[in-house]
Amino acid sequence: MSDPSECAAFNRSRYAWVKKRFESTEVVAGGSAAHAIVYNCGTLYGAWLDGTPFEGNRYVDRYVVRDRLIVQMDVWNDSAEWLLARAGLAQL
């Protein structure tokens, strides 16, 4: 995705609403204001499109920061696996 609006549109196709519980934020050694890699980990909570609530969905966000601006964000979470399990296509 190249724009934050694309991320928001994708999330609208997956969740009725979603929020993050931050558990840790870490800057990779050697980072500076000019260039840093930052990881944020925690869990997601919210509701699926059908209104069913969820919590405890793990996530990791990796940010590339240049001159104090986020220039790249990579996201990993358990949502795909949870959705497959809800559809009876996988086991958690």
PDB file of N, CA and C in Angstrom:
ATOM      1  N   MET A   1       0.852  -1.171   0.000  1.00  0.00           N
ATOM      2  CA  MET A   1       0.000   0.000   0.000  1.00  0.00           C
ATOM      3  C   MET A   1       0.898   1.233   0.000  1.00  0.00           C
ATOM      4  N   SER A   2       0.517   2.198  -0.731  1.00  0.00           N
ATOM      5  CA  SER A   2       1.374   3.376  -0.862  1.00  0.00           C
ATOM      6  C   SER A   2       0.808   4.618  -0.179  1.00  0.00           C
ATOM      7  N   ASP A   3      -0.378   4.509   0.400  1.00  0.00           N
ATOM      8  CA  ASP A   3      -1.009   5.670   1.025  1.00  0.00           C
ATOM      9  C   ASP A   3      -1.806   5.211   2.248  1.00  0.00           C
ATOM     10  N   PRO A   4      -1.829   6.007   3.316  1.00  0.00           N
ATOM     11  CA  PRO A   4      -2.593   5.600   4.508  1.00  0.00           C
ATOM     12  C   PRO A   4      -4.068   5.311   4.224  1.00  0.00           C
ATOM     13  N   SER A   5      -4.653   5.962   3.234  1.00  0.00           N
ATOM     14  CA  SER A   5      -6.063   5.706   2.928  1.00  0.00           C
ATOM     15  C   SER A   5      -6.270   4.276   2.428  1.00  0.00           C
ATOM     16  N   GLU A   6      -5.262   3.706   1.761  1.00  0.00           N
ATOM     17  CA  GLU A   6      -5.362   2.317   1.304  1.00  0.00           C
ATOM     18  C   GLU A   6      -5.396   1.361   2.496  1.00  0.00           C
ATOM     19  N   CYS A   7      -4.612   1.644   3.507  1.00  0.00           N
ATOM     20  CA  CYS A   7      -4.607   0.825   4.723  1.00  0.00           C
ATOM     21  C   CYS A   7      -5.965   0.902   5.416  1.00  0.00           C
ATOM     22  N   ALA A   8      -6.511   2.105   5.515  1.00  0.00           N
ATOM     23  CA  ALA A   8      -7.822   2.279   6.151  1.00  0.00           C
ATOM     24  C   ALA A   8      -8.904   1.534   5.367  1.00  0.00           C
ATOM     25  N   ALA A   9      -8.854   1.585   4.042  1.00  0.00           N
ATOM     26  CA  ALA A   9      -9.840   0.876   3.214  1.00  0.00           C
ATOM     27  C   ALA A   9      -9.724  -0.630   3.414  1.00  0.00           C
ATOM     28  N   PHE A  10      -8.504  -1.146   3.476  1.00  0.00           N
ATOM     29  CA  PHE A  10      -8.301  -2.577   3.711  1.00  0.00           C
ATOM     30  C   PHE A  10      -8.893  -2.973   5.066  1.00  0.00           C
ATOM     31  N   ASN A  11      -8.611  -2.181   6.100  1.00  0.00           N
ATOM     32  CA  ASN A  11      -9.135  -2.501   7.432  1.00  0.00           C
ATOM     33  C   ASN A  11     -10.660  -2.469   7.455  1.00  0.00           C
ATOM     34  N   ARG A  12     -11.282  -1.571   6.697  1.00  0.00           N
ATOM     35  CA  ARG A  12     -12.751  -1.529   6.633  1.00  0.00           C
ATOM     36  C   ARG A  12     -13.319  -2.808   6.031  1.00  0.00           C
ATOM     37  N   SER A  13     -12.524  -3.501   5.207  1.00  0.00           N
ATOM     38  CA  SER A  13     -13.000  -4.750   4.613  1.00  0.00           C
ATOM     39  C   SER A  13     -12.856  -5.931   5.566  1.00  0.00           C
ATOM     40  N   ARG A  14     -12.210  -5.728   6.688  1.00  0.00           N
ATOM     41  CA  ARG A  14     -11.902  -6.811   7.619  1.00  0.00           C
ATOM     42  C   ARG A  14     -12.556  -6.630   8.989  1.00  0.00           C
ATOM     43  N   TYR A  15     -12.657  -5.396   9.459  1.00  0.00           N
ATOM     44  CA  TYR A  15     -13.122  -5.115  10.821  1.00  0.00           C
ATOM     45  C   TYR A  15     -14.273  -4.106  10.809  1.00  0.00           C
ATOM     46  N   ALA A  16     -15.227  -4.282  11.747  1.00  0.00           N
ATOM     47  CA  ALA A  16     -16.215  -3.228  12.004  1.00  0.00           C
ATOM     48  C   ALA A  16     -15.503  -2.058  12.668  1.00  0.00           C
ATOM     49  N   TRP A  17     -14.591  -2.407  13.582  1.00  0.00           N
ATOM     50  CA  TRP A  17     -13.687  -1.426  14.195  1.00  0.00           C
ATOM     51  C   TRP A  17     -12.530  -2.188  14.814  1.00  0.00           C
ATOM     52  N   VAL A  18     -11.400  -1.511  14.972  1.00  0.00           N
ATOM     53  CA  VAL A  18     -10.210  -2.142  15.538  1.00  0.00           C
ATOM     54  C   VAL A  18      -9.340  -1.091  16.210  1.00  0.00           C
ATOM     55  N   LYS A  19      -8.731  -1.475  17.318  1.00  0.00           N
ATOM     56  CA  LYS A  19      -7.793  -0.610  18.034  1.00  0.00           C
ATOM     57  C   LYS A  19      -6.607  -1.441  18.490  1.00  0.00           C
ATOM     58  N   LYS A  20      -5.529  -0.746  18.882  1.00  0.00           N
ATOM     59  CA  LYS A  20      -4.308  -1.420  19.316  1.00  0.00           C
ATOM     60  C   LYS A  20      -4.064  -1.202  20.803  1.00  0.00           C
ATOM     61  N   ARG A  21      -3.564  -2.241  21.453  1.00  0.00           N
ATOM     62  CA  ARG A  21      -3.016  -2.125  22.810  1.00  0.00           C
ATOM     63  C   ARG A  21      -1.506  -2.216  22.664  1.00  0.00           C
ATOM     64  N   PHE A  22      -0.824  -1.102  22.857  1.00  0.00           N
ATOM     65  CA  PHE A  22       0.636  -1.093  22.741  1.00  0.00           C
ATOM     66  C   PHE A  22       1.235  -1.822  23.933  1.00  0.00           C
ATOM     67  N   GLU A  23       2.164  -2.733  23.671  1.00  0.00           N
ATOM     68  CA  GLU A  23       2.860  -3.436  24.738  1.00  0.00           C
ATOM     69  C   GLU A  23       4.327  -3.058  24.802  1.00  0.00           C
ATOM     70  N   SER A  24       4.944  -2.819  23.640  1.00  0.00           N
ATOM     71  CA  SER A  24       6.348  -2.406  23.645  1.00  0.00           C
ATOM     72  C   SER A  24       6.673  -1.655  22.364  1.00  0.00           C
ATOM     73  N   THR A  25       7.596  -0.722  22.495  1.00  0.00           N
ATOM     74  CA  THR A  25       8.135   0.007  21.351  1.00  0.00           C
ATOM     75  C   THR A  25       9.642  -0.015  21.496  1.00  0.00           C
ATOM     76  N   GLU A  26      10.319  -0.440  20.443  1.00  0.00           N
ATOM     77  CA  GLU A  26      11.768  -0.600  20.510  1.00  0.00           C
ATOM     78  C   GLU A  26      12.412   0.027  19.284  1.00  0.00           C
ATOM     79  N   VAL A  27      13.510   0.742  19.504  1.00  0.00           N
ATOM     80  CA  VAL A  27      14.295   1.311  18.421  1.00  0.00           C
ATOM     81  C   VAL A  27      15.517   0.420  18.234  1.00  0.00           C
ATOM     82  N   VAL A  28      15.766   0.016  16.995  1.00  0.00           N
ATOM     83  CA  VAL A  28      16.917  -0.837  16.710  1.00  0.00           C
ATOM     84  C   VAL A  28      18.193  -0.057  17.021  1.00  0.00           C
ATOM     85  N   ALA A  29      19.159  -0.729  17.633  1.00  0.00           N
ATOM     86  CA  ALA A  29      20.433  -0.103  18.003  1.00  0.00           C
ATOM     87  C   ALA A  29      21.039   0.617  16.806  1.00  0.00           C
ATOM     88  N   GLY A  30      21.578   1.801  17.068  1.00  0.00           N
ATOM     89  CA  GLY A  30      22.213   2.591  16.020  1.00  0.00           C
ATOM     90  C   GLY A  30      21.289   3.596  15.370  1.00  0.00           C
ATOM     91  N   GLY A  31      20.030   3.611  15.770  1.00  0.00           N
ATOM     92  CA  GLY A  31      19.078   4.545  15.190  1.00  0.00           C
ATOM     93  C   GLY A  31      19.401   5.985  15.543  1.00  0.00           C
ATOM     94  N   SER A  32      18.995   6.894  14.669  1.00  0.00           N
ATOM     95  CA  SER A  32      19.192   8.330  14.894  1.00  0.00           C
ATOM     96  C   SER A  32      17.976   9.063  14.347  1.00  0.00           C
ATOM     97  N   ALA A  33      17.922  10.367  14.553  1.00  0.00           N
ATOM     98  CA  ALA A  33      16.823  11.168  14.004  1.00  0.00           C
ATOM     99  C   ALA A  33      16.838  11.124  12.475  1.00  0.00           C
ATOM    100  N   ALA A  34      18.014  10.913  11.887  1.00  0.00           N
ATOM    101  CA  ALA A  34      18.125  10.863  10.432  1.00  0.00           C
ATOM    102  C   ALA A  34      17.607   9.540   9.867  1.00  0.00           C
ATOM    103  N   HIS A  35      17.789   8.446  10.615  1.00  0.00           N
ATOM    104  CA  HIS A  35      17.339   7.140  10.130  1.00  0.00           C
ATOM    105  C   HIS A  35      17.235   6.173  11.303  1.00  0.00           C
ATOM    106  N   ALA A  36      16.078   5.560  11.444  1.00  0.00           N
ATOM    107  CA  ALA A  36      15.881   4.590  12.519  1.00  0.00           C
ATOM    108  C   ALA A  36      14.862   3.545  12.085  1.00  0.00           C
ATOM    109  N   ILE A  37      14.996   2.365  12.675  1.00  0.00           N
ATOM    110  CA  ILE A  37      14.010   1.294  12.532  1.00  0.00           C
ATOM    111  C   ILE A  37      13.357   1.139  13.902  1.00  0.00           C
ATOM    112  N   VAL A  38      12.027   1.188  13.918  1.00  0.00           N
ATOM    113  CA  VAL A  38      11.278   1.126  15.172  1.00  0.00           C
ATOM    114  C   VAL A  38      10.244   0.005  15.066  1.00  0.00           C
ATOM    115  N   TYR A  39      10.160  -0.807  16.111  1.00  0.00           N
ATOM    116  CA  TYR A  39       9.160  -1.871  16.186  1.00  0.00           C
ATOM    117  C   TYR A  39       8.162  -1.534  17.294  1.00  0.00           C
ATOM    118  N   ASN A  40       6.879  -1.745  17.005  1.00  0.00           N
ATOM    119  CA  ASN A  40       5.842  -1.618  18.014  1.00  0.00           C
ATOM    120  C   ASN A  40       5.082  -2.939  18.032  1.00  0.00           C
ATOM    121  N   CYS A  41       4.928  -3.527  19.230  1.00  0.00           N
ATOM    122  CA  CYS A  41       4.253  -4.820  19.381  1.00  0.00           C
ATOM    123  C   CYS A  41       3.106  -4.683  20.371  1.00  0.00           C
ATOM    124  N   GLY A  42       2.109  -5.518  20.178  1.00  0.00           N
ATOM    125  CA  GLY A  42       0.985  -5.518  21.106  1.00  0.00           C
ATOM    126  C   GLY A  42      -0.112  -6.427  20.605  1.00  0.00           C
ATOM    127  N   THR A  43      -1.352  -6.067  20.948  1.00  0.00           N
ATOM    128  CA  THR A  43      -2.503  -6.852  20.509  1.00  0.00           C
ATOM    129  C   THR A  43      -3.579  -5.923  19.952  1.00  0.00           C
ATOM    130  N   LEU A  44      -4.356  -6.484  19.046  1.00  0.00           N
ATOM    131  CA  LEU A  44      -5.512  -5.783  18.492  1.00  0.00           C
ATOM    132  C   LEU A  44      -6.762  -6.222  19.242  1.00  0.00           C
ATOM    133  N   TYR A  45      -7.726  -5.305  19.346  1.00  0.00           N
ATOM    134  CA  TYR A  45      -9.047  -5.650  19.859  1.00  0.00           C
ATOM    135  C   TYR A  45     -10.071  -4.869  19.064  1.00  0.00           C
ATOM    136  N   GLY A  46     -11.271  -5.384  18.998  1.00  0.00           N
ATOM    137  CA  GLY A  46     -12.310  -4.706  18.225  1.00  0.00           C
ATOM    138  C   GLY A  46     -13.454  -5.643  17.925  1.00  0.00           C
ATOM    139  N   ALA A  47     -14.013  -5.492  16.711  1.00  0.00           N
ATOM    140  CA  ALA A  47     -15.123  -6.340  16.281  1.00  0.00           C
ATOM    141  C   ALA A  47     -14.938  -6.676  14.806  1.00  0.00           C
ATOM    142  N   TRP A  48     -15.257  -7.935  14.471  1.00  0.00           N
ATOM    143  CA  TRP A  48     -15.254  -8.355  13.075  1.00  0.00           C
ATOM    144  C   TRP A  48     -16.428  -7.686  12.365  1.00  0.00           C
ATOM    145  N   LEU A  49     -16.490  -7.817  11.077  1.00  0.00           N
ATOM    146  CA  LEU A  49     -17.558  -7.174  10.305  1.00  0.00           C
ATOM    147  C   LEU A  49     -18.952  -7.580  10.761  1.00  0.00           C
ATOM    148  N   ASP A  50     -19.110  -8.811  11.269  1.00  0.00           N
ATOM    149  CA  ASP A  50     -20.429  -9.261  11.731  1.00  0.00           C
ATOM    150  C   ASP A  50     -20.749  -8.785  13.145  1.00  0.00           C
ATOM    151  N   GLY A  51     -19.848  -7.995  13.741  1.00  0.00           N
ATOM    152  CA  GLY A  51     -20.070  -7.463  15.078  1.00  0.00           C
ATOM    153  C   GLY A  51     -19.506  -8.311  16.203  1.00  0.00           C
ATOM    154  N   THR A  52     -18.999  -9.498  15.901  1.00  0.00           N
ATOM    155  CA  THR A  52     -18.421 -10.360  16.931  1.00  0.00           C
ATOM    156  C   THR A  52     -17.160  -9.718  17.493  1.00  0.00           C
ATOM    157  N   PRO A  53     -17.096  -9.522  18.819  1.00  0.00           N
ATOM    158  CA  PRO A  53     -15.903  -8.901  19.400  1.00  0.00           C
ATOM    159  C   PRO A  53     -14.711  -9.849  19.406  1.00  0.00           C
ATOM    160  N   PHE A  54     -13.523  -9.271  19.398  1.00  0.00           N
ATOM    161  CA  PHE A  54     -12.295 -10.055  19.538  1.00  0.00           C
ATOM    162  C   PHE A  54     -11.281  -9.251  20.330  1.00  0.00           C
ATOM    163  N   GLU A  55     -10.310  -9.945  20.899  1.00  0.00           N
ATOM    164  CA  GLU A  55      -9.180  -9.303  21.565  1.00  0.00           C
ATOM    165  C   GLU A  55      -8.036 -10.305  21.619  1.00  0.00           C
ATOM    166  N   GLY A  56      -6.842  -9.812  21.872  1.00  0.00           N
ATOM    167  CA  GLY A  56      -5.686 -10.685  21.978  1.00  0.00           C
ATOM    168  C   GLY A  56      -5.062 -11.060  20.651  1.00  0.00           C
ATOM    169  N   ASN A  57      -5.418 -10.378  19.578  1.00  0.00           N
ATOM    170  CA  ASN A  57      -4.888 -10.634  18.243  1.00  0.00           C
ATOM    171  C   ASN A  57      -3.511  -9.959  18.150  1.00  0.00           C
ATOM    172  N   ARG A  58      -2.448 -10.757  18.138  1.00  0.00           N
ATOM    173  CA  ARG A  58      -1.084 -10.208  18.192  1.00  0.00           C
ATOM    174  C   ARG A  58      -0.722  -9.437  16.927  1.00  0.00           C
ATOM    175  N   TYR A  59       0.070  -8.376  17.095  1.00  0.00           N
ATOM    176  CA  TYR A  59       0.576  -7.638  15.940  1.00  0.00           C
ATOM    177  C   TYR A  59       2.012  -7.182  16.193  1.00  0.00           C
ATOM    178  N   VAL A  60       2.718  -6.952  15.097  1.00  0.00           N
ATOM    179  CA  VAL A  60       4.026  -6.299  15.102  1.00  0.00           C
ATOM    180  C   VAL A  60       4.006  -5.291  13.964  1.00  0.00           C
ATOM    181  N   ASP A  61       4.322  -4.053  14.262  1.00  0.00           N
ATOM    182  CA  ASP A  61       4.486  -3.014  13.245  1.00  0.00           C
ATOM    183  C   ASP A  61       5.962  -2.632  13.201  1.00  0.00           C
ATOM    184  N   ARG A  62       6.508  -2.538  12.002  1.00  0.00           N
ATOM    185  CA  ARG A  62       7.901  -2.120  11.809  1.00  0.00           C
ATOM    186  C   ARG A  62       7.876  -0.822  11.015  1.00  0.00           C
ATOM    187  N   TYR A  63       8.503   0.198  11.557  1.00  0.00           N
ATOM    188  CA  TYR A  63       8.545   1.516  10.920  1.00  0.00           C
ATOM    189  C   TYR A  63       9.969   1.851  10.500  1.00  0.00           C
ATOM    190  N   VAL A  64      10.103   2.412   9.325  1.00  0.00           N
ATOM    191  CA  VAL A  64      11.355   3.035   8.905  1.00  0.00           C
ATOM    192  C   VAL A  64      11.125   4.528   9.048  1.00  0.00           C
ATOM    193  N   VAL A  65      11.975   5.174   9.850  1.00  0.00           N
ATOM    194  CA  VAL A  65      11.836   6.606  10.125  1.00  0.00           C
ATOM    195  C   VAL A  65      13.054   7.329   9.551  1.00  0.00           C
ATOM    196  N   ARG A  66      12.793   8.318   8.723  1.00  0.00           N
ATOM    197  CA  ARG A  66      13.858   9.155   8.171  1.00  0.00           C
ATOM    198  C   ARG A  66      13.531  10.607   8.455  1.00  0.00           C
ATOM    199  N   ASP A  67      14.492  11.298   9.009  1.00  0.00           N
ATOM    200  CA  ASP A  67      14.305  12.716   9.353  1.00  0.00           C
ATOM    201  C   ASP A  67      13.009  12.930  10.124  1.00  0.00           C
ATOM    202  N   ARG A  68      12.763  12.003  11.074  1.00  0.00           N
ATOM    203  CA  ARG A  68      11.627  12.055  12.003  1.00  0.00           C
ATOM    204  C   ARG A  68      10.262  11.833  11.350  1.00  0.00           C
ATOM    205  N   LEU A  69      10.240  11.333  10.113  1.00  0.00           N
ATOM    206  CA  LEU A  69       8.992  11.014   9.424  1.00  0.00           C
ATOM    207  C   LEU A  69       8.953   9.520   9.117  1.00  0.00           C
ATOM    208  N   ILE A  70       7.791   8.910   9.288  1.00  0.00           N
ATOM    209  CA  ILE A  70       7.633   7.505   8.925  1.00  0.00           C
ATOM    210  C   ILE A  70       7.572   7.433   7.401  1.00  0.00           C
ATOM    211  N   VAL A  71       8.525   6.710   6.807  1.00  0.00           N
ATOM    212  CA  VAL A  71       8.561   6.580   5.349  1.00  0.00           C
ATOM    213  C   VAL A  71       8.159   5.181   4.892  1.00  0.00           C
ATOM    214  N   GLN A  72       8.096   4.248   5.820  1.00  0.00           N
ATOM    215  CA  GLN A  72       7.669   2.883   5.484  1.00  0.00           C
ATOM    216  C   GLN A  72       7.110   2.231   6.735  1.00  0.00           C
ATOM    217  N   MET A  73       6.064   1.430   6.539  1.00  0.00           N
ATOM    218  CA  MET A  73       5.480   0.683   7.650  1.00  0.00           C
ATOM    219  C   MET A  73       5.153  -0.715   7.153  1.00  0.00           C
ATOM    220  N   ASP A  74       5.615  -1.714   7.877  1.00  0.00           N
ATOM    221  CA  ASP A  74       5.284  -3.106   7.596  1.00  0.00           C
ATOM    222  C   ASP A  74       4.455  -3.614   8.767  1.00  0.00           C
ATOM    223  N   VAL A  75       3.428  -4.398   8.473  1.00  0.00           N
ATOM    224  CA  VAL A  75       2.470  -4.835   9.492  1.00  0.00           C
ATOM    225  C   VAL A  75       2.319  -6.348   9.434  1.00  0.00           C
ATOM    226  N   TRP A  76       2.356  -6.973  10.599  1.00  0.00           N
ATOM    227  CA  TRP A  76       2.065  -8.397  10.724  1.00  0.00           C
ATOM    228  C   TRP A  76       1.073  -8.558  11.874  1.00  0.00           C
ATOM    229  N   ASN A  77       0.045  -9.403  11.674  1.00  0.00           N
ATOM    230  CA  ASN A  77      -0.865  -9.727  12.766  1.00  0.00           C
ATOM    231  C   ASN A  77      -1.512 -11.083  12.501  1.00  0.00           C
ATOM    232  N   ASP A  78      -2.269 -11.548  13.462  1.00  0.00           N
ATOM    233  CA  ASP A  78      -2.892 -12.868  13.385  1.00  0.00           C
ATOM    234  C   ASP A  78      -4.264 -12.856  12.710  1.00  0.00           C
ATOM    235  N   SER A  79      -4.708 -11.732  12.187  1.00  0.00           N
ATOM    236  CA  SER A  79      -6.080 -11.631  11.679  1.00  0.00           C
ATOM    237  C   SER A  79      -6.405 -12.652  10.596  1.00  0.00           C
ATOM    238  N   ALA A  80      -5.515 -12.863   9.637  1.00  0.00           N
ATOM    239  CA  ALA A  80      -5.819 -13.817   8.557  1.00  0.00           C
ATOM    240  C   ALA A  80      -6.072 -15.204   9.122  1.00  0.00           C
ATOM    241  N   GLU A  81      -5.234 -15.634  10.049  1.00  0.00           N
ATOM    242  CA  GLU A  81      -5.413 -16.947  10.648  1.00  0.00           C
ATOM    243  C   GLU A  81      -6.719 -17.021  11.427  1.00  0.00           C
ATOM    244  N   TRP A  82      -7.034 -15.955  12.152  1.00  0.00           N
ATOM    245  CA  TRP A  82      -8.280 -15.938  12.918  1.00  0.00           C
ATOM    246  C   TRP A  82      -9.485 -16.010  11.975  1.00  0.00           C
ATOM    247  N   LEU A  83      -9.435 -15.287  10.849  1.00  0.00           N
ATOM    248  CA  LEU A  83     -10.541 -15.310   9.901  1.00  0.00           C
ATOM    249  C   LEU A  83     -10.673 -16.689   9.255  1.00  0.00           C
ATOM    250  N   LEU A  84      -9.549 -17.335   8.930  1.00  0.00           N
ATOM    251  CA  LEU A  84      -9.602 -18.689   8.393  1.00  0.00           C
ATOM    252  C   LEU A  84     -10.224 -19.661   9.400  1.00  0.00           C
ATOM    253  N   ALA A  85      -9.848 -19.528  10.663  1.00  0.00           N
ATOM    254  CA  ALA A  85     -10.413 -20.397  11.705  1.00  0.00           C
ATOM    255  C   ALA A  85     -11.917 -20.162  11.851  1.00  0.00           C
ATOM    256  N   ARG A  86     -12.337 -18.902  11.808  1.00  0.00           N
ATOM    257  CA  ARG A  86     -13.770 -18.589  11.911  1.00  0.00           C
ATOM    258  C   ARG A  86     -14.554 -19.202  10.752  1.00  0.00           C
ATOM    259  N   ALA A  87     -13.904 -19.301   9.589  1.00  0.00           N
ATOM    260  CA  ALA A  87     -14.556 -19.875   8.397  1.00  0.00           C
ATOM    261  C   ALA A  87     -14.439 -21.405   8.372  1.00  0.00           C
ATOM    262  N   GLY A  88     -13.784 -21.993   9.389  1.00  0.00           N
ATOM    263  CA  GLY A  88     -13.636 -23.438   9.447  1.00  0.00           C
ATOM    264  C   GLY A  88     -12.561 -23.979   8.519  1.00  0.00           C
ATOM    265  N   LEU A  89     -11.657 -23.114   8.067  1.00  0.00           N
ATOM    266  CA  LEU A  89     -10.620 -23.519   7.112  1.00  0.00           C
ATOM    267  C   LEU A  89      -9.253 -23.743   7.749  1.00  0.00           C
ATOM    268  N   ALA A  90      -9.133 -23.452   9.030  1.00  0.00           N
ATOM    269  CA  ALA A  90      -7.856 -23.646   9.727  1.00  0.00           C
ATOM    270  C   ALA A  90      -8.136 -23.767  11.213  1.00  0.00           C
ATOM    271  N   GLN A  91      -7.138 -24.237  11.944  1.00  0.00           N
ATOM    272  CA  GLN A  91      -7.238 -24.325  13.396  1.00  0.00           C
ATOM    273  C   GLN A  91      -6.236 -23.366  14.008  1.00  0.00           C
ATOM    274  N   LEU A  92      -6.636 -22.715  15.082  1.00  0.00           N
ATOM    275  CA  LEU A  92      -5.700 -21.836  15.808  1.00  0.00           C
ATOM    276  C   LEU A  92      -4.936 -22.632  16.822  1.00  0.00           C
TER     277      LEU A  92
END
